[in-house]
Amino acid sequence: MRNIHAKNYINESIAAYRTGAYRASLITTWIAVCVDIIEKIKELSLSDDPAAKQLEKQLDSIKPDDPKAMLAFERDILNIACDQLQLISTIEKLHLDRLKDDRNICAHPTFSDDGSQFTPLAELALAYIVQAGNYLLIHPPVKGKVIVQRLYELINEPSFPEDEEKAFTLLSSENNLGRVKGSGVSNLAIIILKRVFRDETGLQASLLNRLSASLNAIYRLYPQVYEDVVSTKLSGMLAEATDHRLKRVFPFLRLRKELWSKVEHAERVRIEGLIKSMDLDEMSKFQVTRLAEVNVGIRAYVLDKMDLLDNVEQAKIIAAYPCSFLKDKSIDIFSEALSFDSAEFRANKLLLPICSQFNDNDLLRVFSGALENTGSYGINQILNAGGIGVIFSDIYTETKSAPLNHKKLWIDFWNKMTSKGFSYNSLKDKLIEDKYIAFDDPEEDEDPFPF
C-alpha cells in the first residue's frame, strides 16, 4: 500500500473488523477510499495531468470551514476517479458506490419506527475492505486519458519501432502501458483501429507497421482487453469503411493474422468483391497476394480473380510478390512466354524467387516448358532469350536442396538442351564443378541463336 494516510485508515478499519465493530470498519474503509483518491489526484497533478491539476485547484479552493463544499466533492469523488482520471473501472465504481451508500446508512440514524439501526454483516465489512484494497489502495496512480493520447502520438512518431519486440519493450514500461487501467488500454486499441479504418488520411506502410506492433504489445500485455476490443469493434469498423479505407484490410490482416476470424461473413463477401474490382496496380500496392500466402480464405478469392486475367496481367500480379501458392501458375505463365523479354522477366521475377520450394515435378515442368516453348512464330522464346543462361544457373543453385532427383533432372535437361544446340557457360561451369557433366564437353557460345 503506497499512501501512508490511506494505509492508516484501512489498518484502523481492519482493527475495527477484528473486534466486531463492523459499522465503524465500513465507515473507515470509505474514508480510506476518499483519502487514497485525493492523494492520487495530488500525485497525478505533479506529473502534469491536466485533469488532476484542475481537480487539485478545486480541492485547494475548499475552505476548512466549508463542509458543504467538502460533502459535494465527496459525493462526486467516485465519478471523478472513474470518468475523469480512470483510476477505477465502471464495474469497480459500482461496487464502491455500494460502499458509499452503506457508509451513509451506518453514519446516520435511520429514523426507523422501532429505533433499530443498520448493522452490516462481518462478510460485508470484509468484502468492502478487500474491494477498497484491490481496486484502489494497492495500486499506483495510473494514468488515463492523458497517457492514451500521449501514447497514440508516440506511436505516430517516426522514431517508434516497427519491430514488434522493440515496440513491446517500449510500451510495456511503467511509464507507458505498464500503469494504464484496462479502460485506457481499450481506448488506445480502439483509437488505433479507427486510424486504420476510419481516417481518410493516407496510411504509409511504416505507420501501419507501427500501429500493428502497438496492437501486438496490447495483445501481449492485456490479452482479454485486446480480445474484447477486436471482437466488438473490428467488424463494425469494416462495415462502415468506404472501399478506399477497406483496402487497408489486406496489409493489416497480413500483419495481424489472428484477426481474420473476427471478420464476419458479410464483410468477407465485401472483401471478395473488392478483390474482383481491384486493378493490377492496386493488387500490388495493397499486397493482396502477400496476404493470400498466409490466409486461405483470401487465397480462394485471389485464385478466382487470377482466372479472369490473361498471362501478362497474371505475371504482373505475381511479380509484385511471388508466392508458393501461385507456383503452378508461375510455371505455366513462364512456359507460355511469347517473347525473349517476357521469358527473361518471368524466369527472373516469377520462378527464381520461389524456386527453392520446387519439388521434382515442379522442376520437370519448368524444363519441359523451356524445351517445348514455341513462342508466337514457332521459335523457342525461352532458350533463345539473351540472359536465360544466367537465370538457369541461379535456379540450379537455388534448387540444390529441394528436389530429390536434382542431379538426374539437371543432367537430363542439359542433354536435351544441348541436343537442340543450346549451351550456357554460366550453367555449364556449375554442372562441371558439381561433377554432373564431364569437363571435356564441347564448348559452345553462351547464348547461341541457331535459327
Protein backbone atom coordinates (compact mmCIF):
# COMPACT_ATOMS: atom_id res chain seq x y z
CA MET A 1 0.00 0.00 0.00
CA ARG A 2 1.60 3.22 -1.19
CA ASN A 3 -0.09 6.10 0.64
CA ILE A 4 0.59 6.29 4.38
CA HIS A 5 -2.63 8.17 5.17
CA ALA A 6 -4.88 5.70 3.37
CA LYS A 7 -2.88 2.87 4.92
CA ASN A 8 -3.54 4.19 8.42
CA TYR A 9 -7.27 4.36 7.77
CA ILE A 10 -7.50 0.86 6.28
CA ASN A 11 -5.49 -0.53 9.21
CA GLU A 12 -7.99 1.12 11.55
CA SER A 13 -10.81 -0.44 9.54
CA ILE A 14 -9.21 -3.89 9.83
CA ALA A 15 -8.76 -3.43 13.59
CA ALA A 16 -12.44 -2.48 13.94
CA TYR A 17 -13.46 -5.52 11.87
CA ARG A 18 -11.44 -7.84 14.12
CA THR A 19 -13.16 -6.51 17.22
CA GLY A 20 -16.62 -6.89 15.70
CA ALA A 21 -17.20 -3.16 15.16
CA TYR A 22 -18.39 -3.70 11.59
CA ARG A 23 -20.18 -0.36 11.29
CA ALA A 24 -17.00 1.50 12.28
CA SER A 25 -14.98 -0.71 9.92
CA LEU A 26 -17.22 0.14 6.98
CA ILE A 27 -17.13 3.90 7.69
CA THR A 28 -13.34 3.92 7.98
CA THR A 29 -12.96 1.91 4.76
CA TRP A 30 -14.87 4.63 2.92
CA ILE A 31 -12.62 7.31 4.41
CA ALA A 32 -9.57 5.31 3.24
CA VAL A 33 -11.01 5.26 -0.31
CA CYS A 34 -11.60 9.03 -0.30
CA VAL A 35 -8.15 9.79 1.11
CA ASP A 36 -6.49 7.50 -1.44
CA ILE A 37 -8.24 9.19 -4.37
CA ILE A 38 -7.36 12.67 -3.07
CA GLU A 39 -3.69 11.72 -2.65
CA LYS A 40 -3.60 10.24 -6.15
CA ILE A 41 -5.06 13.45 -7.55
CA LYS A 42 -2.14 15.32 -5.97
CA GLU A 43 0.41 12.83 -7.31
CA LEU A 44 -1.00 12.93 -10.83
CA SER A 45 -1.04 16.71 -10.68
CA LEU A 46 2.71 16.65 -10.07
CA SER A 47 3.11 14.64 -13.30
CA ASP A 48 1.26 17.37 -15.26
CA ASP A 49 -2.01 15.54 -15.75
CA PRO A 50 -4.37 18.40 -16.78
CA ALA A 51 -7.47 16.83 -15.22
CA ALA A 52 -5.65 16.20 -11.95
CA LYS A 53 -4.28 19.75 -11.91
CA GLN A 54 -7.78 21.15 -12.27
CA LEU A 55 -9.08 18.89 -9.50
CA GLU A 56 -6.25 19.87 -7.18
CA LYS A 57 -7.18 23.52 -7.68
CA GLN A 58 -10.76 22.61 -6.79
CA LEU A 59 -9.55 20.86 -3.63
CA ASP A 60 -7.34 23.78 -2.64
CA SER A 61 -10.28 26.15 -3.01
CA ILE A 62 -12.33 24.25 -0.40
CA LYS A 63 -12.01 26.05 2.93
CA PRO A 64 -11.81 24.15 6.25
CA ASP A 65 -15.00 25.84 7.45
CA ASP A 66 -16.99 24.93 4.32
CA PRO A 67 -18.48 21.46 5.00
CA LYS A 68 -20.97 21.89 2.15
CA ALA A 69 -18.15 22.06 -0.42
CA MET A 70 -16.40 19.12 1.24
CA LEU A 71 -19.54 17.00 1.05
CA ALA A 72 -20.14 17.98 -2.58
CA PHE A 73 -16.63 16.84 -3.51
CA GLU A 74 -17.06 13.61 -1.54
CA ARG A 75 -20.37 12.84 -3.28
CA ASP A 76 -18.69 13.14 -6.67
CA ILE A 77 -15.36 11.54 -5.81
CA LEU A 78 -16.08 8.15 -7.41
CA ASN A 79 -17.27 9.78 -10.64
CA ILE A 80 -14.03 11.75 -10.67
CA ALA A 81 -11.95 8.59 -10.10
CA CYS A 82 -13.77 6.68 -12.84
CA ASP A 83 -14.65 9.20 -15.55
CA GLN A 84 -12.02 11.91 -15.29
CA LEU A 85 -8.95 10.06 -14.02
CA GLN A 86 -9.79 6.46 -14.97
CA LEU A 87 -8.40 5.22 -11.66
CA ILE A 88 -11.20 2.66 -11.47
CA SER A 89 -13.39 0.89 -14.00
CA THR A 90 -17.15 1.25 -14.30
CA ILE A 91 -17.72 -2.08 -12.54
CA GLU A 92 -15.34 -1.13 -9.74
CA LYS A 93 -17.18 2.16 -9.34
CA LEU A 94 -20.49 0.30 -8.93
CA HIS A 95 -19.01 -1.77 -6.11
CA LEU A 96 -17.55 1.27 -4.37
CA ASP A 97 -20.87 3.11 -4.81
CA ARG A 98 -22.42 0.41 -2.64
CA LEU A 99 -19.73 1.05 -0.04
CA LYS A 100 -20.59 4.75 -0.11
CA ASP A 101 -24.32 4.05 0.26
CA ASP A 102 -23.79 1.65 3.16
CA ARG A 103 -21.39 4.10 4.80
CA ASN A 104 -24.11 6.77 4.67
CA ILE A 105 -26.55 4.38 6.34
CA CYS A 106 -24.01 3.44 9.00
CA ALA A 107 -23.00 7.04 9.74
CA HIS A 108 -26.52 8.45 10.07
CA PRO A 109 -29.58 7.47 12.08
CA THR A 110 -32.22 5.61 10.09
CA PHE A 111 -35.22 7.05 11.98
CA SER A 112 -36.95 3.67 11.83
CA ASP A 113 -40.19 3.15 13.74
CA ASP A 114 -38.69 0.65 16.15
CA GLY A 115 -35.42 2.57 16.59
CA SER A 116 -33.27 -0.24 15.16
CA GLN A 117 -30.11 0.71 13.26
CA PHE A 118 -28.42 -0.91 10.28
CA THR A 119 -25.70 -3.34 11.35
CA PRO A 120 -23.54 -4.63 8.48
CA LEU A 121 -22.59 -8.28 8.42
CA ALA A 122 -18.97 -9.27 9.04
CA GLU A 123 -18.74 -10.63 5.48
CA LEU A 124 -19.91 -7.30 4.05
CA ALA A 125 -17.39 -5.28 6.04
CA LEU A 126 -14.61 -7.63 4.98
CA ALA A 127 -15.71 -7.55 1.32
CA TYR A 128 -15.51 -3.75 1.29
CA ILE A 129 -12.00 -3.84 2.80
CA VAL A 130 -10.89 -6.27 0.08
CA GLN A 131 -12.53 -4.24 -2.71
CA ALA A 132 -11.02 -0.98 -1.50
CA GLY A 133 -7.58 -2.56 -1.44
CA ASN A 134 -7.84 -4.39 -4.77
CA TYR A 135 -9.46 -1.54 -6.68
CA LEU A 136 -7.51 1.41 -5.33
CA LEU A 137 -5.23 1.25 -2.30
CA ILE A 138 -2.58 -1.16 -3.56
CA HIS A 139 -2.25 0.47 -6.99
CA PRO A 140 -0.13 3.45 -8.01
CA PRO A 141 -1.99 6.37 -9.61
CA VAL A 142 -2.47 5.08 -13.13
CA LYS A 143 -2.73 7.48 -16.00
CA GLY A 144 -5.87 7.60 -18.08
CA LYS A 145 -6.92 9.84 -20.96
CA VAL A 146 -3.73 11.87 -20.94
CA ILE A 147 -1.43 8.90 -21.36
CA VAL A 148 -3.67 7.35 -24.02
CA GLN A 149 -3.30 10.50 -26.12
CA ARG A 150 0.42 10.67 -25.41
CA LEU A 151 0.96 7.03 -26.38
CA TYR A 152 -1.03 7.46 -29.58
CA GLU A 153 1.11 10.46 -30.50
CA LEU A 154 4.23 8.43 -29.65
CA ILE A 155 3.14 5.57 -31.92
CA ASN A 156 2.73 8.05 -34.78
CA GLU A 157 6.29 9.33 -34.36
CA PRO A 158 8.83 8.02 -36.93
CA SER A 159 11.12 7.04 -34.05
CA PHE A 160 8.60 4.49 -32.73
CA PRO A 161 9.84 0.98 -33.61
CA GLU A 162 8.17 -1.07 -36.32
CA ASP A 163 9.67 -4.24 -34.86
CA GLU A 164 7.14 -5.98 -32.60
CA GLU A 165 9.61 -6.98 -29.90
CA LYS A 166 11.07 -3.49 -29.63
CA ALA A 167 7.59 -1.94 -29.57
CA PHE A 168 6.61 -4.32 -26.77
CA THR A 169 9.69 -3.38 -24.75
CA LEU A 170 8.86 0.31 -25.12
CA LEU A 171 5.14 0.12 -24.40
CA SER A 172 5.39 -2.33 -21.50
CA SER A 173 7.42 0.06 -19.36
CA GLU A 174 5.89 1.59 -16.23
CA ASN A 175 5.90 4.99 -17.92
CA ASN A 176 3.66 3.72 -20.71
CA LEU A 177 1.15 0.86 -20.79
CA GLY A 178 2.56 -0.69 -17.65
CA ARG A 179 0.48 1.70 -15.49
CA VAL A 180 -2.66 2.13 -17.57
CA LYS A 181 -6.02 0.75 -16.45
CA GLY A 182 -7.91 -1.63 -18.70
CA SER A 183 -10.28 1.10 -19.88
CA GLY A 184 -7.33 3.21 -21.03
CA VAL A 185 -5.79 0.25 -22.87
CA SER A 186 -9.14 -0.44 -24.52
CA ASN A 187 -9.41 3.19 -25.65
CA LEU A 188 -5.91 3.08 -27.14
CA ALA A 189 -6.69 -0.10 -29.09
CA ILE A 190 -9.92 1.45 -30.41
CA ILE A 191 -8.10 4.63 -31.47
CA ILE A 192 -5.54 2.55 -33.37
CA LEU A 193 -8.26 0.61 -35.21
CA LYS A 194 -10.05 3.86 -36.03
CA ARG A 195 -6.84 5.28 -37.51
CA VAL A 196 -6.64 2.31 -39.85
CA PHE A 197 -10.26 2.04 -40.99
CA ARG A 198 -11.96 5.39 -40.32
CA ASP A 199 -9.32 8.01 -41.02
CA GLU A 200 -9.28 9.33 -44.60
CA THR A 201 -5.69 10.50 -44.15
CA GLY A 202 -3.16 8.41 -46.07
CA LEU A 203 -1.62 5.45 -44.27
CA GLN A 204 2.03 4.76 -45.05
CA ALA A 205 3.37 1.21 -44.69
CA SER A 206 5.76 2.32 -41.95
CA LEU A 207 2.91 3.79 -39.88
CA LEU A 208 0.79 0.69 -40.39
CA ASN A 209 3.70 -1.40 -39.12
CA ARG A 210 3.93 0.78 -36.00
CA LEU A 211 0.19 0.57 -35.37
CA SER A 212 0.27 -3.20 -35.76
CA ALA A 213 3.29 -3.52 -33.45
CA SER A 214 1.37 -1.49 -30.87
CA LEU A 215 -1.65 -3.77 -31.11
CA ASN A 216 0.67 -6.73 -30.65
CA ALA A 217 2.02 -5.15 -27.45
CA ILE A 218 -1.54 -4.62 -26.19
CA TYR A 219 -2.35 -8.25 -27.00
CA ARG A 220 0.64 -9.50 -25.00
CA LEU A 221 0.11 -7.18 -22.04
CA TYR A 222 -3.69 -7.23 -21.85
CA PRO A 223 -4.96 -10.24 -23.87
CA GLN A 224 -8.54 -10.05 -22.58
CA VAL A 225 -8.81 -6.32 -23.30
CA TYR A 226 -7.46 -6.92 -26.82
CA GLU A 227 -9.89 -9.79 -27.40
CA ASP A 228 -12.86 -7.71 -26.21
CA VAL A 229 -11.96 -4.76 -28.45
CA VAL A 230 -11.36 -6.69 -31.68
CA SER A 231 -14.42 -8.89 -31.09
CA THR A 232 -16.78 -5.96 -30.59
CA LYS A 233 -15.28 -3.20 -32.75
CA LEU A 234 -13.46 -4.59 -35.80
CA SER A 235 -16.36 -5.87 -37.90
CA GLY A 236 -18.34 -2.69 -37.30
CA MET A 237 -15.45 -0.55 -38.50
CA LEU A 238 -15.04 -2.72 -41.61
CA ALA A 239 -18.77 -2.49 -42.33
CA GLU A 240 -18.67 1.31 -42.12
CA ALA A 241 -15.46 1.73 -44.14
CA THR A 242 -15.55 3.02 -47.71
CA ASP A 243 -13.86 0.89 -50.38
CA HIS A 244 -10.87 3.23 -50.20
CA ARG A 245 -10.39 2.54 -46.49
CA LEU A 246 -11.42 -1.10 -46.65
CA LYS A 247 -8.49 -1.88 -48.97
CA ARG A 248 -6.24 -1.31 -45.98
CA VAL A 249 -7.54 -4.60 -44.59
CA PHE A 250 -5.12 -6.54 -46.82
CA PRO A 251 -1.79 -5.28 -45.43
CA PHE A 252 -3.39 -5.01 -41.98
CA LEU A 253 -4.51 -8.65 -41.87
CA ARG A 254 -1.11 -9.76 -43.12
CA LEU A 255 0.38 -8.16 -40.01
CA ARG A 256 -2.43 -9.23 -37.66
CA LYS A 257 -3.25 -12.69 -38.97
CA GLU A 258 -5.31 -13.64 -35.92
CA LEU A 259 -7.98 -11.06 -36.76
CA TRP A 260 -9.34 -12.81 -39.87
CA SER A 261 -11.51 -14.93 -37.56
CA LYS A 262 -13.10 -11.70 -36.26
CA VAL A 263 -14.23 -10.63 -39.75
CA GLU A 264 -17.90 -11.51 -40.16
CA HIS A 265 -19.31 -13.23 -43.25
CA ALA A 266 -20.92 -10.06 -44.63
CA GLU A 267 -17.57 -8.26 -44.60
CA ARG A 268 -15.85 -11.28 -46.18
CA VAL A 269 -18.31 -11.13 -49.06
CA ARG A 270 -17.47 -7.46 -49.49
CA ILE A 271 -13.73 -8.18 -49.38
CA GLU A 272 -14.20 -10.80 -52.12
CA GLY A 273 -15.97 -8.22 -54.28
CA LEU A 274 -13.25 -5.71 -53.54
CA ILE A 275 -10.56 -8.09 -54.83
CA LYS A 276 -12.52 -8.69 -58.03
CA SER A 277 -12.84 -4.94 -58.64
CA MET A 278 -9.20 -4.00 -57.94
CA ASP A 279 -6.88 -3.23 -60.84
CA LEU A 280 -3.35 -4.65 -61.13
CA ASP A 281 -1.65 -1.68 -59.51
CA GLU A 282 -3.99 -1.85 -56.52
CA MET A 283 -3.42 -5.59 -56.14
CA SER A 284 0.30 -4.87 -55.90
CA LYS A 285 0.01 -1.73 -53.76
CA PHE A 286 -2.15 -3.41 -51.12
CA GLN A 287 -0.12 -6.65 -51.14
CA VAL A 288 -3.15 -8.85 -51.75
CA THR A 289 -1.16 -11.91 -52.87
CA ARG A 290 1.16 -11.48 -49.90
CA LEU A 291 -1.84 -11.80 -47.59
CA ALA A 292 -3.17 -14.73 -49.61
CA GLU A 293 0.10 -16.57 -48.93
CA VAL A 294 -0.87 -16.86 -45.24
CA ASN A 295 -4.67 -16.62 -45.43
CA VAL A 296 -6.57 -19.47 -47.06
CA GLY A 297 -9.81 -17.51 -47.27
CA ILE A 298 -8.22 -14.62 -49.15
CA ARG A 299 -6.29 -17.11 -51.29
CA ALA A 300 -9.52 -18.51 -52.73
CA TYR A 301 -10.64 -15.00 -53.71
CA VAL A 302 -7.27 -14.28 -55.36
CA LEU A 303 -7.32 -17.50 -57.39
CA ASP A 304 -10.81 -16.64 -58.65
CA LYS A 305 -9.50 -13.20 -59.63
CA MET A 306 -6.48 -14.68 -61.44
CA ASP A 307 -8.71 -16.89 -63.57
CA LEU A 308 -10.26 -13.74 -65.06
CA LEU A 309 -6.90 -12.34 -66.22
CA ASP A 310 -4.59 -13.09 -69.15
CA ASN A 311 -0.99 -14.27 -68.74
CA VAL A 312 0.51 -10.78 -68.92
CA GLU A 313 -1.79 -9.47 -66.19
CA GLN A 314 -1.23 -12.52 -64.03
CA ALA A 315 2.54 -12.16 -64.41
CA LYS A 316 2.40 -8.56 -63.20
CA ILE A 317 0.44 -9.54 -60.09
CA ILE A 318 2.70 -12.49 -59.24
CA ALA A 319 5.87 -10.48 -59.86
CA ALA A 320 4.79 -7.95 -57.22
CA TYR A 321 5.03 -10.69 -54.60
CA PRO A 322 5.98 -14.18 -55.83
CA CYS A 323 4.47 -16.81 -53.57
CA SER A 324 4.33 -20.57 -53.35
CA PHE A 325 0.56 -20.94 -53.71
CA LEU A 326 0.87 -19.45 -57.22
CA LYS A 327 3.75 -21.76 -58.10
CA ASP A 328 1.83 -23.77 -60.71
CA LYS A 329 0.51 -20.62 -62.38
CA SER A 330 4.00 -19.13 -62.40
CA ILE A 331 5.43 -22.18 -64.19
CA ASP A 332 2.58 -22.21 -66.71
CA ILE A 333 2.98 -18.50 -67.45
CA PHE A 334 6.75 -18.92 -67.87
CA SER A 335 6.28 -21.86 -70.23
CA GLU A 336 3.92 -19.82 -72.42
CA ALA A 337 6.27 -16.84 -72.89
CA LEU A 338 5.76 -15.21 -76.30
CA SER A 339 8.93 -13.11 -76.43
CA PHE A 340 12.55 -13.13 -75.30
CA ASP A 341 11.90 -10.29 -72.88
CA SER A 342 8.84 -11.94 -71.35
CA ALA A 343 10.75 -15.21 -70.96
CA GLU A 344 13.57 -13.48 -69.06
CA PHE A 345 11.15 -11.42 -66.98
CA ARG A 346 9.04 -14.40 -65.99
CA ALA A 347 12.01 -16.62 -65.20
CA ASN A 348 13.65 -13.91 -63.12
CA LYS A 349 10.59 -12.46 -61.37
CA LEU A 350 8.21 -15.42 -61.15
CA LEU A 351 10.38 -18.55 -60.87
CA LEU A 352 13.68 -17.53 -59.32
CA PRO A 353 12.20 -16.05 -56.09
CA ILE A 354 10.30 -19.26 -55.26
CA CYS A 355 12.37 -21.99 -56.92
CA SER A 356 13.92 -23.06 -53.61
CA GLN A 357 10.47 -24.51 -52.85
CA PHE A 358 10.30 -26.55 -56.06
CA ASN A 359 9.90 -30.32 -55.91
CA ASP A 360 10.93 -32.75 -58.64
CA ASN A 361 7.69 -32.34 -60.57
CA ASP A 362 7.93 -28.54 -60.47
CA LEU A 363 11.47 -28.61 -61.84
CA LEU A 364 10.47 -31.10 -64.53
CA ARG A 365 7.61 -28.82 -65.61
CA VAL A 366 9.98 -25.84 -65.84
CA PHE A 367 12.38 -27.82 -68.02
CA SER A 368 9.61 -29.20 -70.22
CA GLY A 369 8.13 -25.73 -70.64
CA ALA A 370 11.52 -24.29 -71.61
CA LEU A 371 12.28 -27.07 -74.09
CA GLU A 372 8.84 -27.14 -75.71
CA ASN A 373 8.18 -23.40 -75.93
CA THR A 374 7.41 -22.20 -79.46
CA GLY A 375 6.57 -18.54 -78.85
CA SER A 376 4.39 -16.71 -81.34
CA TYR A 377 6.17 -17.76 -84.53
CA GLY A 378 7.32 -21.31 -83.85
CA ILE A 379 10.65 -20.14 -82.37
CA ASN A 380 11.63 -21.04 -78.80
CA GLN A 381 11.49 -17.74 -76.91
CA ILE A 382 12.91 -19.15 -73.67
CA LEU A 383 16.06 -20.94 -74.75
CA ASN A 384 16.90 -18.11 -77.16
CA ALA A 385 16.46 -15.35 -74.55
CA GLY A 386 19.71 -13.45 -74.04
CA GLY A 387 20.05 -13.73 -70.26
CA ILE A 388 18.28 -17.03 -69.68
CA GLY A 389 21.54 -18.92 -69.12
CA VAL A 390 22.41 -16.87 -66.04
CA ILE A 391 18.89 -17.32 -64.68
CA PHE A 392 19.03 -21.10 -65.23
CA SER A 393 22.36 -21.07 -63.39
CA ASP A 394 20.76 -19.27 -60.43
CA ILE A 395 17.78 -21.65 -60.43
CA TYR A 396 20.23 -24.56 -60.41
CA THR A 397 21.88 -23.20 -57.27
CA GLU A 398 18.60 -22.44 -55.51
CA THR A 399 17.10 -25.88 -56.18
CA LYS A 400 20.05 -27.92 -54.91
CA SER A 401 18.49 -28.55 -51.52
CA ALA A 402 14.93 -29.13 -52.70
CA PRO A 403 14.27 -31.77 -55.41
CA LEU A 404 15.19 -35.34 -54.54
CA ASN A 405 16.48 -36.05 -58.04
CA HIS A 406 18.31 -32.77 -58.59
CA LYS A 407 21.28 -34.34 -60.38
CA LYS A 408 19.25 -36.56 -62.71
CA LEU A 409 16.82 -33.78 -63.64
CA TRP A 410 19.54 -31.25 -64.44
CA ILE A 411 21.67 -33.72 -66.41
CA ASP A 412 18.62 -34.74 -68.43
CA PHE A 413 17.71 -31.10 -69.06
CA TRP A 414 21.29 -30.28 -70.07
CA ASN A 415 21.43 -33.18 -72.52
CA LYS A 416 18.11 -32.30 -74.14
CA MET A 417 19.07 -28.64 -74.31
CA THR A 418 22.46 -29.27 -75.91
CA SER A 419 20.87 -31.67 -78.38
CA LYS A 420 18.82 -28.70 -79.57
CA GLY A 421 22.02 -26.67 -79.97
CA PHE A 422 21.85 -24.60 -76.76
CA SER A 423 24.59 -24.32 -74.14
CA TYR A 424 25.07 -21.71 -71.43
CA ASN A 425 28.55 -21.31 -69.97
CA SER A 426 27.33 -19.99 -66.59
CA LEU A 427 25.21 -23.12 -66.08
CA LYS A 428 27.81 -25.42 -67.63
CA ASP A 429 30.51 -24.25 -65.20
CA LYS A 430 28.35 -25.17 -62.22
CA LEU A 431 27.43 -28.56 -63.66
CA ILE A 432 31.13 -29.33 -64.22
CA GLU A 433 32.05 -28.06 -60.75
CA ASP A 434 29.50 -30.40 -59.17
CA LYS A 435 30.61 -33.25 -61.47
CA TYR A 436 27.20 -33.50 -63.10
CA ILE A 437 28.80 -33.40 -66.55
CA ALA A 438 32.34 -34.04 -67.79
CA PHE A 439 34.80 -31.21 -68.33
CA ASP A 440 35.53 -32.19 -71.93
CA ASP A 441 32.05 -31.37 -73.21
CA PRO A 442 32.33 -29.40 -76.46
CA GLU A 443 32.43 -25.65 -75.93
CA GLU A 444 29.57 -23.62 -77.31
CA ASP A 445 28.72 -19.94 -77.36
CA GLU A 446 26.93 -18.54 -74.32
CA ASP A 447 23.55 -17.87 -75.88
CA PRO A 448 23.56 -19.10 -79.48
CA PHE A 449 20.85 -18.26 -81.94
CA PRO A 450 20.73 -21.32 -84.21
CA PHE A 451 17.99 -20.04 -86.49
